PDB file of N, CA and C in Angstrom:
ATOM      1  N   MET A   1     -18.102 -83.370 -79.525  1.00  0.00           N
ATOM      2  CA  MET A   1     -17.113 -84.343 -79.934  1.00  0.00           C
ATOM      3  C   MET A   1     -16.219 -83.708 -81.011  1.00  0.00           C
ATOM      4  N   LYS A   2     -14.906 -83.828 -80.841  1.00  0.00           N
ATOM      5  CA  LYS A   2     -13.982 -83.307 -81.840  1.00  0.00           C
ATOM      6  C   LYS A   2     -14.230 -83.984 -83.182  1.00  0.00           C
ATOM      7  N   TYR A   3     -13.879 -83.264 -84.212  1.00  0.00           N
ATOM      8  CA  TYR A   3     -14.094 -83.711 -85.586  1.00  0.00           C
ATOM      9  C   TYR A   3     -12.832 -83.417 -86.385  1.00  0.00           C
ATOM     10  N   VAL A   4     -12.453 -84.340 -87.249  1.00  0.00           N
ATOM     11  CA  VAL A   4     -11.261 -84.184 -88.072  1.00  0.00           C
ATOM     12  C   VAL A   4     -11.632 -84.449 -89.528  1.00  0.00           C
ATOM     13  N   GLN A   5     -11.129 -83.596 -90.383  1.00  0.00           N
ATOM     14  CA  GLN A   5     -11.295 -83.834 -91.808  1.00  0.00           C
ATOM     15  C   GLN A   5      -9.914 -84.059 -92.407  1.00  0.00           C
ATOM     16  N   VAL A   6      -9.793 -85.129 -93.198  1.00  0.00           N
ATOM     17  CA  VAL A   6      -8.563 -85.444 -93.908  1.00  0.00           C
ATOM     18  C   VAL A   6      -8.845 -85.245 -95.395  1.00  0.00           C
ATOM     19  N   ILE A   7      -8.016 -84.463 -96.034  1.00  0.00           N
ATOM     20  CA  ILE A   7      -8.170 -84.187 -97.451  1.00  0.00           C
ATOM     21  C   ILE A   7      -6.925 -84.705 -98.159  1.00  0.00           C
ATOM     22  N   GLU A   8      -7.109 -85.699 -99.020  1.00  0.00           N
ATOM     23  CA  GLU A   8      -6.001 -86.270 -99.782  1.00  0.00           C
ATOM     24  C   GLU A   8      -6.062 -85.729-101.203  1.00  0.00           C
ATOM     25  N   PHE A   9      -4.904 -85.290-101.698  1.00  0.00           N
ATOM     26  CA  PHE A   9      -4.870 -84.740-103.046  1.00  0.00           C
ATOM     27  C   PHE A   9      -3.505 -84.959-103.670  1.00  0.00           C
ATOM     28  N   THR A  10      -3.472 -84.913-104.994  1.00  0.00           N
ATOM     29  CA  THR A  10      -2.207 -85.003-105.718  1.00  0.00           C
ATOM     30  C   THR A  10      -2.034 -83.728-106.534  1.00  0.00           C
ATOM     31  N   THR A  11      -0.799 -83.269-106.574  1.00  0.00           N
ATOM     32  CA  THR A  11      -0.495 -82.048-107.319  1.00  0.00           C
ATOM     33  C   THR A  11       1.006 -81.919-107.528  1.00  0.00           C
ATOM     34  N   GLY A  12       1.356 -81.225-108.564  1.00  0.00           N
ATOM     35  CA  GLY A  12       2.729 -80.815-108.788  1.00  0.00           C
ATOM     36  C   GLY A  12       2.901 -79.343-108.457  1.00  0.00           C
ATOM     37  N   ARG A  13       1.856 -78.765-107.829  1.00  0.00           N
ATOM     38  CA  ARG A  13       1.838 -77.319-107.583  1.00  0.00           C
ATOM     39  C   ARG A  13       1.625 -77.014-106.095  1.00  0.00           C
ATOM     40  N   ILE A  14       2.328 -77.739-105.242  1.00  0.00           N
ATOM     41  CA  ILE A  14       2.139 -77.602-103.800  1.00  0.00           C
ATOM     42  C   ILE A  14       2.481 -76.191-103.307  1.00  0.00           C
ATOM     43  N   ASP A  15       3.459 -75.543-103.907  1.00  0.00           N
ATOM     44  CA  ASP A  15       3.801 -74.185-103.471  1.00  0.00           C
ATOM     45  C   ASP A  15       2.643 -73.226-103.708  1.00  0.00           C
ATOM     46  N   GLU A  16       1.946 -73.395-104.811  1.00  0.00           N
ATOM     47  CA  GLU A  16       0.790 -72.547-105.097  1.00  0.00           C
ATOM     48  C   GLU A  16      -0.354 -72.844-104.130  1.00  0.00           C
ATOM     49  N   ILE A  17      -0.517 -74.097-103.772  1.00  0.00           N
ATOM     50  CA  ILE A  17      -1.541 -74.452-102.792  1.00  0.00           C
ATOM     51  C   ILE A  17      -1.195 -73.841-101.438  1.00  0.00           C
ATOM     52  N   ASN A  18       0.074 -73.856-101.080  1.00  0.00           N
ATOM     53  CA  ASN A  18       0.485 -73.221 -99.823  1.00  0.00           C
ATOM     54  C   ASN A  18       0.234 -71.714 -99.846  1.00  0.00           C
ATOM     55  N   GLU A  19       0.434 -71.089-100.980  1.00  0.00           N
ATOM     56  CA  GLU A  19       0.119 -69.659-101.100  1.00  0.00           C
ATOM     57  C   GLU A  19      -1.377 -69.425-100.896  1.00  0.00           C
ATOM     58  N   LEU A  20      -2.206 -70.293-101.478  1.00  0.00           N
ATOM     59  CA  LEU A  20      -3.654 -70.192-101.268  1.00  0.00           C
ATOM     60  C   LEU A  20      -3.999 -70.357 -99.793  1.00  0.00           C
ATOM     61  N   MET A  21      -3.330 -71.298 -99.137  1.00  0.00           N
ATOM     62  CA  MET A  21      -3.590 -71.526 -97.715  1.00  0.00           C
ATOM     63  C   MET A  21      -3.234 -70.292 -96.897  1.00  0.00           C
ATOM     64  N   ASP A  22      -2.112 -69.676 -97.218  1.00  0.00           N
ATOM     65  CA  ASP A  22      -1.723 -68.448 -96.515  1.00  0.00           C
ATOM     66  C   ASP A  22      -2.770 -67.349 -96.706  1.00  0.00           C
ATOM     67  N   GLN A  23      -3.286 -67.224 -97.927  1.00  0.00           N
ATOM     68  CA  GLN A  23      -4.333 -66.233 -98.201  1.00  0.00           C
ATOM     69  C   GLN A  23      -5.601 -66.557 -97.410  1.00  0.00           C
ATOM     70  N   TRP A  24      -5.975 -67.839 -97.368  1.00  0.00           N
ATOM     71  CA  TRP A  24      -7.165 -68.256 -96.629  1.00  0.00           C
ATOM     72  C   TRP A  24      -6.993 -67.962 -95.135  1.00  0.00           C
ATOM     73  N   LEU A  25      -5.814 -68.265 -94.600  1.00  0.00           N
ATOM     74  CA  LEU A  25      -5.562 -67.988 -93.182  1.00  0.00           C
ATOM     75  C   LEU A  25      -5.731 -66.502 -92.874  1.00  0.00           C
ATOM     76  N   ALA A  26      -5.191 -65.661 -93.728  1.00  0.00           N
ATOM     77  CA  ALA A  26      -5.297 -64.212 -93.508  1.00  0.00           C
ATOM     78  C   ALA A  26      -6.745 -63.741 -93.633  1.00  0.00           C
ATOM     79  N   SER A  27      -7.457 -64.267 -94.619  1.00  0.00           N
ATOM     80  CA  SER A  27      -8.815 -63.770 -94.867  1.00  0.00           C
ATOM     81  C   SER A  27      -9.850 -64.312 -93.885  1.00  0.00           C
ATOM     82  N   THR A  28      -9.522 -65.381 -93.173  1.00  0.00           N
ATOM     83  CA  THR A  28     -10.474 -65.963 -92.220  1.00  0.00           C
ATOM     84  C   THR A  28     -10.071 -65.726 -90.774  1.00  0.00           C
ATOM     85  N   ASP A  29      -9.061 -64.911 -90.559  1.00  0.00           N
ATOM     86  CA  ASP A  29      -8.622 -64.625 -89.197  1.00  0.00           C
ATOM     87  C   ASP A  29      -9.796 -64.095 -88.373  1.00  0.00           C
ATOM     88  N   GLY A  30     -10.056 -64.729 -87.247  1.00  0.00           N
ATOM     89  CA  GLY A  30     -11.157 -64.336 -86.378  1.00  0.00           C
ATOM     90  C   GLY A  30     -12.499 -64.931 -86.768  1.00  0.00           C
ATOM     91  N   LYS A  31     -12.566 -65.600 -87.924  1.00  0.00           N
ATOM     92  CA  LYS A  31     -13.826 -66.195 -88.397  1.00  0.00           C
ATOM     93  C   LYS A  31     -13.784 -67.717 -88.475  1.00  0.00           C
ATOM     94  N   ARG A  32     -12.616 -68.246 -88.788  1.00  0.00           N
ATOM     95  CA  ARG A  32     -12.541 -69.696 -89.016  1.00  0.00           C
ATOM     96  C   ARG A  32     -12.733 -70.453 -87.706  1.00  0.00           C
ATOM     97  N   THR A  33     -13.216 -71.673 -87.831  1.00  0.00           N
ATOM     98  CA  THR A  33     -13.451 -72.512 -86.656  1.00  0.00           C
ATOM     99  C   THR A  33     -12.463 -73.668 -86.570  1.00  0.00           C
ATOM    100  N   ALA A  34     -11.634 -73.851 -87.578  1.00  0.00           N
ATOM    101  CA  ALA A  34     -10.586 -74.865 -87.516  1.00  0.00           C
ATOM    102  C   ALA A  34      -9.601 -74.478 -86.421  1.00  0.00           C
ATOM    103  N   VAL A  35      -9.175 -75.450 -85.622  1.00  0.00           N
ATOM    104  CA  VAL A  35      -8.285 -75.137 -84.504  1.00  0.00           C
ATOM    105  C   VAL A  35      -6.867 -75.673 -84.679  1.00  0.00           C
ATOM    106  N   HIS A  36      -6.691 -76.623 -85.601  1.00  0.00           N
ATOM    107  CA  HIS A  36      -5.359 -77.198 -85.796  1.00  0.00           C
ATOM    108  C   HIS A  36      -5.323 -77.805 -87.190  1.00  0.00           C
ATOM    109  N   ALA A  37      -4.178 -77.678 -87.858  1.00  0.00           N
ATOM    110  CA  ALA A  37      -4.053 -78.256 -89.195  1.00  0.00           C
ATOM    111  C   ALA A  37      -2.631 -78.752 -89.410  1.00  0.00           C
ATOM    112  N   LEU A  38      -2.539 -79.849 -90.132  1.00  0.00           N
ATOM    113  CA  LEU A  38      -1.260 -80.403 -90.559  1.00  0.00           C
ATOM    114  C   LEU A  38      -1.323 -80.615 -92.062  1.00  0.00           C
ATOM    115  N   GLN A  39      -0.258 -80.306 -92.741  1.00  0.00           N
ATOM    116  CA  GLN A  39      -0.148 -80.681 -94.147  1.00  0.00           C
ATOM    117  C   GLN A  39       0.979 -81.686 -94.223  1.00  0.00           C
ATOM    118  N   THR A  40       0.706 -82.810 -94.851  1.00  0.00           N
ATOM    119  CA  THR A  40       1.693 -83.878 -94.915  1.00  0.00           C
ATOM    120  C   THR A  40       1.961 -84.284 -96.356  1.00  0.00           C
ATOM    121  N   SER A  41       3.116 -84.881 -96.558  1.00  0.00           N
ATOM    122  CA  SER A  41       3.517 -85.399 -97.858  1.00  0.00           C
ATOM    123  C   SER A  41       3.693 -86.909 -97.721  1.00  0.00           C
ATOM    124  N   ASP A  42       3.095 -87.655 -98.630  1.00  0.00           N
ATOM    125  CA  ASP A  42       3.179 -89.114 -98.590  1.00  0.00           C
ATOM    126  C   ASP A  42       4.542 -89.552 -99.125  1.00  0.00           C
ATOM    127  N   ARG A  43       5.323 -90.220 -98.291  1.00  0.00           N
ATOM    128  CA  ARG A  43       6.666 -90.663 -98.695  1.00  0.00           C
ATOM    129  C   ARG A  43       6.627 -91.765 -99.752  1.00  0.00           C
ATOM    130  N   ASP A  44       5.509 -92.482 -99.828  1.00  0.00           N
ATOM    131  CA  ASP A  44       5.413 -93.622-100.731  1.00  0.00           C
ATOM    132  C   ASP A  44       4.732 -93.304-102.058  1.00  0.00           C
ATOM    133  N   ARG A  45       4.092 -92.148-102.135  1.00  0.00           N
ATOM    134  CA  ARG A  45       3.383 -91.781-103.363  1.00  0.00           C
ATOM    135  C   ARG A  45       3.755 -90.349-103.730  1.00  0.00           C
ATOM    136  N   ASP A  46       4.520 -90.231-104.800  1.00  0.00           N
ATOM    137  CA  ASP A  46       5.001 -88.933-105.264  1.00  0.00           C
ATOM    138  C   ASP A  46       3.832 -87.992-105.545  1.00  0.00           C
ATOM    139  N   ARG A  47       3.986 -86.733-105.144  1.00  0.00           N
ATOM    140  CA  ARG A  47       3.006 -85.675-105.411  1.00  0.00           C
ATOM    141  C   ARG A  47       1.668 -85.905-104.709  1.00  0.00           C
ATOM    142  N   THR A  48       1.675 -86.732-103.656  1.00  0.00           N
ATOM    143  CA  THR A  48       0.448 -87.001-102.897  1.00  0.00           C
ATOM    144  C   THR A  48       0.576 -86.368-101.524  1.00  0.00           C
ATOM    145  N   TYR A  49      -0.464 -85.644-101.139  1.00  0.00           N
ATOM    146  CA  TYR A  49      -0.464 -84.884 -99.889  1.00  0.00           C
ATOM    147  C   TYR A  49      -1.760 -85.142 -99.136  1.00  0.00           C
ATOM    148  N   LEU A  50      -1.676 -84.992 -97.820  1.00  0.00           N
ATOM    149  CA  LEU A  50      -2.866 -85.057 -96.982  1.00  0.00           C
ATOM    150  C   LEU A  50      -2.859 -83.855 -96.059  1.00  0.00           C
ATOM    151  N   SER A  51      -3.980 -83.171 -96.020  1.00  0.00           N
ATOM    152  CA  SER A  51      -4.198 -82.109 -95.043  1.00  0.00           C
ATOM    153  C   SER A  51      -5.109 -82.684 -93.971  1.00  0.00           C
ATOM    154  N   ILE A  52      -4.732 -82.493 -92.731  1.00  0.00           N
ATOM    155  CA  ILE A  52      -5.497 -82.998 -91.593  1.00  0.00           C
ATOM    156  C   ILE A  52      -5.921 -81.780 -90.782  1.00  0.00           C
ATOM    157  N   VAL A  53      -7.235 -81.565 -90.697  1.00  0.00           N
ATOM    158  CA  VAL A  53      -7.761 -80.356 -90.077  1.00  0.00           C
ATOM    159  C   VAL A  53      -8.677 -80.736 -88.922  1.00  0.00           C
ATOM    160  N   GLU A  54      -8.418 -80.147 -87.760  1.00  0.00           N
ATOM    161  CA  GLU A  54      -9.184 -80.452 -86.548  1.00  0.00           C
ATOM    162  C   GLU A  54     -10.149 -79.315 -86.226  1.00  0.00           C
ATOM    163  N   PHE A  55     -11.342 -79.709 -85.786  1.00  0.00           N
ATOM    164  CA  PHE A  55     -12.394 -78.778 -85.383  1.00  0.00           C
ATOM    165  C   PHE A  55     -12.926 -79.199 -84.016  1.00  0.00           C
ATOM    166  N   PRO A  56     -13.522 -78.263 -83.274  1.00  0.00           N
ATOM    167  CA  PRO A  56     -14.108 -78.623 -81.979  1.00  0.00           C
ATOM    168  C   PRO A  56     -15.292 -79.590 -82.115  1.00  0.00           C
ATOM    169  N   SER A  57     -15.988 -79.528 -83.261  1.00  0.00           N
ATOM    170  CA  SER A  57     -17.160 -80.379 -83.482  1.00  0.00           C
ATOM    171  C   SER A  57     -17.499 -80.393 -84.971  1.00  0.00           C
ATOM    172  N   TYR A  58     -18.361 -81.322 -85.356  1.00  0.00           N
ATOM    173  CA  TYR A  58     -18.855 -81.383 -86.732  1.00  0.00           C
ATOM    174  C   TYR A  58     -19.574 -80.081 -87.085  1.00  0.00           C
ATOM    175  N   GLU A  59     -20.371 -79.584 -86.158  1.00  0.00           N
ATOM    176  CA  GLU A  59     -21.116 -78.355 -86.403  1.00  0.00           C
ATOM    177  C   GLU A  59     -20.188 -77.174 -86.688  1.00  0.00           C
ATOM    178  N   LYS A  60     -19.105 -77.077 -85.926  1.00  0.00           N
ATOM    179  CA  LYS A  60     -18.129 -76.010 -86.159  1.00  0.00           C
ATOM    180  C   LYS A  60     -17.427 -76.189 -87.509  1.00  0.00           C
ATOM    181  N   ALA A  61     -17.200 -77.434 -87.902  1.00  0.00           N
ATOM    182  CA  ALA A  61     -16.604 -77.703 -89.211  1.00  0.00           C
ATOM    183  C   ALA A  61     -17.527 -77.221 -90.328  1.00  0.00           C
ATOM    184  N   MET A  62     -18.817 -77.431 -90.158  1.00  0.00           N
ATOM    185  CA  MET A  62     -19.778 -76.986 -91.168  1.00  0.00           C
ATOM    186  C   MET A  62     -19.839 -75.461 -91.233  1.00  0.00           C
ATOM    187  N   GLU A  63     -19.723 -74.789 -90.088  1.00  0.00           N
ATOM    188  CA  GLU A  63     -19.640 -73.322 -90.082  1.00  0.00           C
ATOM    189  C   GLU A  63     -18.439 -72.874 -90.906  1.00  0.00           C
ATOM    190  N   ASN A  64     -17.310 -73.515 -90.688  1.00  0.00           N
ATOM    191  CA  ASN A  64     -16.083 -73.189 -91.408  1.00  0.00           C
ATOM    192  C   ASN A  64     -16.248 -73.445 -92.902  1.00  0.00           C
ATOM    193  N   SER A  65     -16.852 -74.575 -93.221  1.00  0.00           N
ATOM    194  CA  SER A  65     -17.071 -74.952 -94.614  1.00  0.00           C
ATOM    195  C   SER A  65     -17.962 -73.952 -95.336  1.00  0.00           C
ATOM    196  N   ASN A  66     -18.889 -73.344 -94.630  1.00  0.00           N
ATOM    197  CA  ASN A  66     -19.832 -72.408 -95.222  1.00  0.00           C
ATOM    198  C   ASN A  66     -19.289 -70.987 -95.379  1.00  0.00           C
ATOM    199  N   LEU A  67     -18.082 -70.733 -94.892  1.00  0.00           N
ATOM    200  CA  LEU A  67     -17.483 -69.414 -95.094  1.00  0.00           C
ATOM    201  C   LEU A  67     -17.226 -69.206 -96.589  1.00  0.00           C
ATOM    202  N   PRO A  68     -17.543 -68.049 -97.144  1.00  0.00           N
ATOM    203  CA  PRO A  68     -17.253 -67.804 -98.564  1.00  0.00           C
ATOM    204  C   PRO A  68     -15.768 -67.948 -98.891  1.00  0.00           C
ATOM    205  N   GLU A  69     -14.920 -67.600 -97.931  1.00  0.00           N
ATOM    206  CA  GLU A  69     -13.468 -67.731 -98.149  1.00  0.00           C
ATOM    207  C   GLU A  69     -13.058 -69.195 -98.279  1.00  0.00           C
ATOM    208  N   THR A  70     -13.733 -70.073 -97.534  1.00  0.00           N
ATOM    209  CA  THR A  70     -13.422 -71.504 -97.618  1.00  0.00           C
ATOM    210  C   THR A  70     -13.879 -72.059 -98.963  1.00  0.00           C
ATOM    211  N   THR A  71     -15.046 -71.643 -99.404  1.00  0.00           N
ATOM    212  CA  THR A  71     -15.540 -72.078-100.714  1.00  0.00           C
ATOM    213  C   THR A  71     -14.581 -71.645-101.819  1.00  0.00           C
ATOM    214  N   ALA A  72     -14.152 -70.394-101.777  1.00  0.00           N
ATOM    215  CA  ALA A  72     -13.221 -69.882-102.790  1.00  0.00           C
ATOM    216  C   ALA A  72     -11.892 -70.628-102.742  1.00  0.00           C
ATOM    217  N   PHE A  73     -11.399 -70.908-101.520  1.00  0.00           N
ATOM    218  CA  PHE A  73     -10.150 -71.659-101.367  1.00  0.00           C
ATOM    219  C   PHE A  73     -10.284 -73.042-101.985  1.00  0.00           C
ATOM    220  N   ALA A  74     -11.368 -73.746-101.665  1.00  0.00           N
ATOM    221  CA  ALA A  74     -11.563 -75.110-102.169  1.00  0.00           C
ATOM    222  C   ALA A  74     -11.646 -75.136-103.690  1.00  0.00           C
ATOM    223  N   GLU A  75     -12.332 -74.166-104.271  1.00  0.00           N
ATOM    224  CA  GLU A  75     -12.444 -74.103-105.734  1.00  0.00           C
ATOM    225  C   GLU A  75     -11.086 -73.837-106.379  1.00  0.00           C
ATOM    226  N   SER A  76     -10.331 -72.914-105.809  1.00  0.00           N
ATOM    227  CA  SER A  76      -9.006 -72.599-106.352  1.00  0.00           C
ATOM    228  C   SER A  76      -8.047 -73.767-106.174  1.00  0.00           C
ATOM    229  N   MET A  77      -8.104 -74.420-105.022  1.00  0.00           N
ATOM    230  CA  MET A  77      -7.232 -75.567-104.763  1.00  0.00           C
ATOM    231  C   MET A  77      -7.521 -76.693-105.749  1.00  0.00           C
ATOM    232  N   ALA A  78      -8.791 -76.974-105.988  1.00  0.00           N
ATOM    233  CA  ALA A  78      -9.161 -78.065-106.896  1.00  0.00           C
ATOM    234  C   ALA A  78      -8.569 -77.861-108.291  1.00  0.00           C
ATOM    235  N   LYS A  79      -8.456 -76.612-108.716  1.00  0.00           N
ATOM    236  CA  LYS A  79      -7.888 -76.311-110.032  1.00  0.00           C
ATOM    237  C   LYS A  79      -6.394 -76.611-110.090  1.00  0.00           C
ATOM    238  N   LEU A  80      -5.745 -76.640-108.934  1.00  0.00           N
ATOM    239  CA  LEU A  80      -4.303 -76.898-108.877  1.00  0.00           C
ATOM    240  C   LEU A  80      -3.987 -78.382-108.669  1.00  0.00           C
ATOM    241  N   CYS A  81      -5.004 -79.190-108.445  1.00  0.00           N
ATOM    242  CA  CYS A  81      -4.812 -80.616-108.188  1.00  0.00           C
ATOM    243  C   CYS A  81      -4.885 -81.416-109.486  1.00  0.00           C
ATOM    244  N   ASP A  82      -4.271 -82.594-109.466  1.00  0.00           N
ATOM    245  CA  ASP A  82      -4.267 -83.474-110.630  1.00  0.00           C
ATOM    246  C   ASP A  82      -5.624 -84.157-110.822  1.00  0.00           C
ATOM    247  N   GLY A  83      -6.401 -84.262-109.785  1.00  0.00           N
ATOM    248  CA  GLY A  83      -7.733 -84.868-109.831  1.00  0.00           C
ATOM    249  C   GLY A  83      -8.532 -84.326-108.671  1.00  0.00           C
ATOM    250  N   SER A  84      -9.692 -84.874-108.448  1.00  0.00           N
ATOM    251  CA  SER A  84     -10.529 -84.410-107.340  1.00  0.00           C
ATOM    252  C   SER A  84      -9.940 -84.829-106.002  1.00  0.00           C
ATOM    253  N   PRO A  85      -9.872 -83.907-105.052  1.00  0.00           N
ATOM    254  CA  PRO A  85      -9.434 -84.289-103.705  1.00  0.00           C
ATOM    255  C   PRO A  85     -10.406 -85.296-103.096  1.00  0.00           C
ATOM    256  N   VAL A  86      -9.889 -86.140-102.227  1.00  0.00           N
ATOM    257  CA  VAL A  86     -10.711 -87.128-101.517  1.00  0.00           C
ATOM    258  C   VAL A  86     -10.828 -86.666-100.065  1.00  0.00           C
ATOM    259  N   PHE A  87     -12.066 -86.614 -99.574  1.00  0.00           N
ATOM    260  CA  PHE A  87     -12.330 -86.140 -98.220  1.00  0.00           C
ATOM    261  C   PHE A  87     -12.692 -87.308 -97.316  1.00  0.00           C
ATOM    262  N   ARG A  88     -12.119 -87.325 -96.114  1.00  0.00           N
ATOM    263  CA  ARG A  88     -12.484 -88.267 -95.061  1.00  0.00           C
ATOM    264  C   ARG A  88     -13.015 -87.427 -93.909  1.00  0.00           C
ATOM    265  N   ASN A  89     -14.191 -87.744 -93.438  1.00  0.00           N
ATOM    266  CA  ASN A  89     -14.863 -86.979 -92.386  1.00  0.00           C
ATOM    267  C   ASN A  89     -14.950 -87.853 -91.143  1.00  0.00           C
ATOM    268  N   LEU A  90     -14.227 -87.469 -90.104  1.00  0.00           N
ATOM    269  CA  LEU A  90     -13.993 -88.359 -88.971  1.00  0.00           C
ATOM    270  C   LEU A  90     -14.394 -87.744 -87.641  1.00  0.00           C
ATOM    271  N   ASP A  91     -15.208 -88.473 -86.876  1.00  0.00           N
ATOM    272  CA  ASP A  91     -15.467 -88.113 -85.483  1.00  0.00           C
ATOM    273  C   ASP A  91     -14.344 -88.696 -84.644  1.00  0.00           C
ATOM    274  N   VAL A  92     -13.818 -87.912 -83.725  1.00  0.00           N
ATOM    275  CA  VAL A  92     -12.732 -88.372 -82.862  1.00  0.00           C
ATOM    276  C   VAL A  92     -13.349 -89.147 -81.698  1.00  0.00           C
ATOM    277  N   LEU A  93     -13.026 -90.422 -81.614  1.00  0.00           N
ATOM    278  CA  LEU A  93     -13.549 -91.275 -80.555  1.00  0.00           C
ATOM    279  C   LEU A  93     -12.613 -91.360 -79.361  1.00  0.00           C
ATOM    280  N   ARG A  94     -11.339 -91.224 -79.635  1.00  0.00           N
ATOM    281  CA  ARG A  94     -10.345 -91.320 -78.555  1.00  0.00           C
ATOM    282  C   ARG A  94      -9.145 -90.488 -78.943  1.00  0.00           C
ATOM    283  N   GLU A  95      -8.560 -89.831 -77.953  1.00  0.00           N
ATOM    284  CA  GLU A  95      -7.384 -89.001 -78.182  1.00  0.00           C
ATOM    285  C   GLU A  95      -6.428 -89.194 -77.020  1.00  0.00           C
ATOM    286  N   GLU A  96      -5.174 -89.373 -77.331  1.00  0.00           N
ATOM    287  CA  GLU A  96      -4.135 -89.549 -76.316  1.00  0.00           C
ATOM    288  C   GLU A  96      -2.981 -88.594 -76.602  1.00  0.00           C
ATOM    289  N   THR A  97      -2.413 -88.017 -75.582  1.00  0.00           N
ATOM    290  CA  THR A  97      -1.165 -87.285 -75.718  1.00  0.00           C
ATOM    291  C   THR A  97      -0.068 -88.263 -75.333  1.00  0.00           C
ATOM    292  N   LEU A  98       0.811 -88.533 -76.273  1.00  0.00           N
ATOM    293  CA  LEU A  98       1.834 -89.580 -76.052  1.00  0.00           C
ATOM    294  C   LEU A  98       3.195 -88.973 -75.800  1.00  0.00           C
TER     295      LEU A  98
END
């Protein structure tokens, strides 16, 4: 079953977070299990962002989470945020291409 993680965070340092993401992408090439990601900006809440990351399964997400590069990314990202990121862990029950 597909699995999606949504990470909501606030920051005034989104460019630095994007640089971290680029570094993570390069360092996990061929190792990461995430298959699709979106970074979004909340139009109604200034400096609020959501990252939406898709995995083939919960188990694959945990493999990705356990990568040392992912741990380092998460620690560095948290330092750039205004508070603790909020995680939503979601099993995909239905998917439609519209």
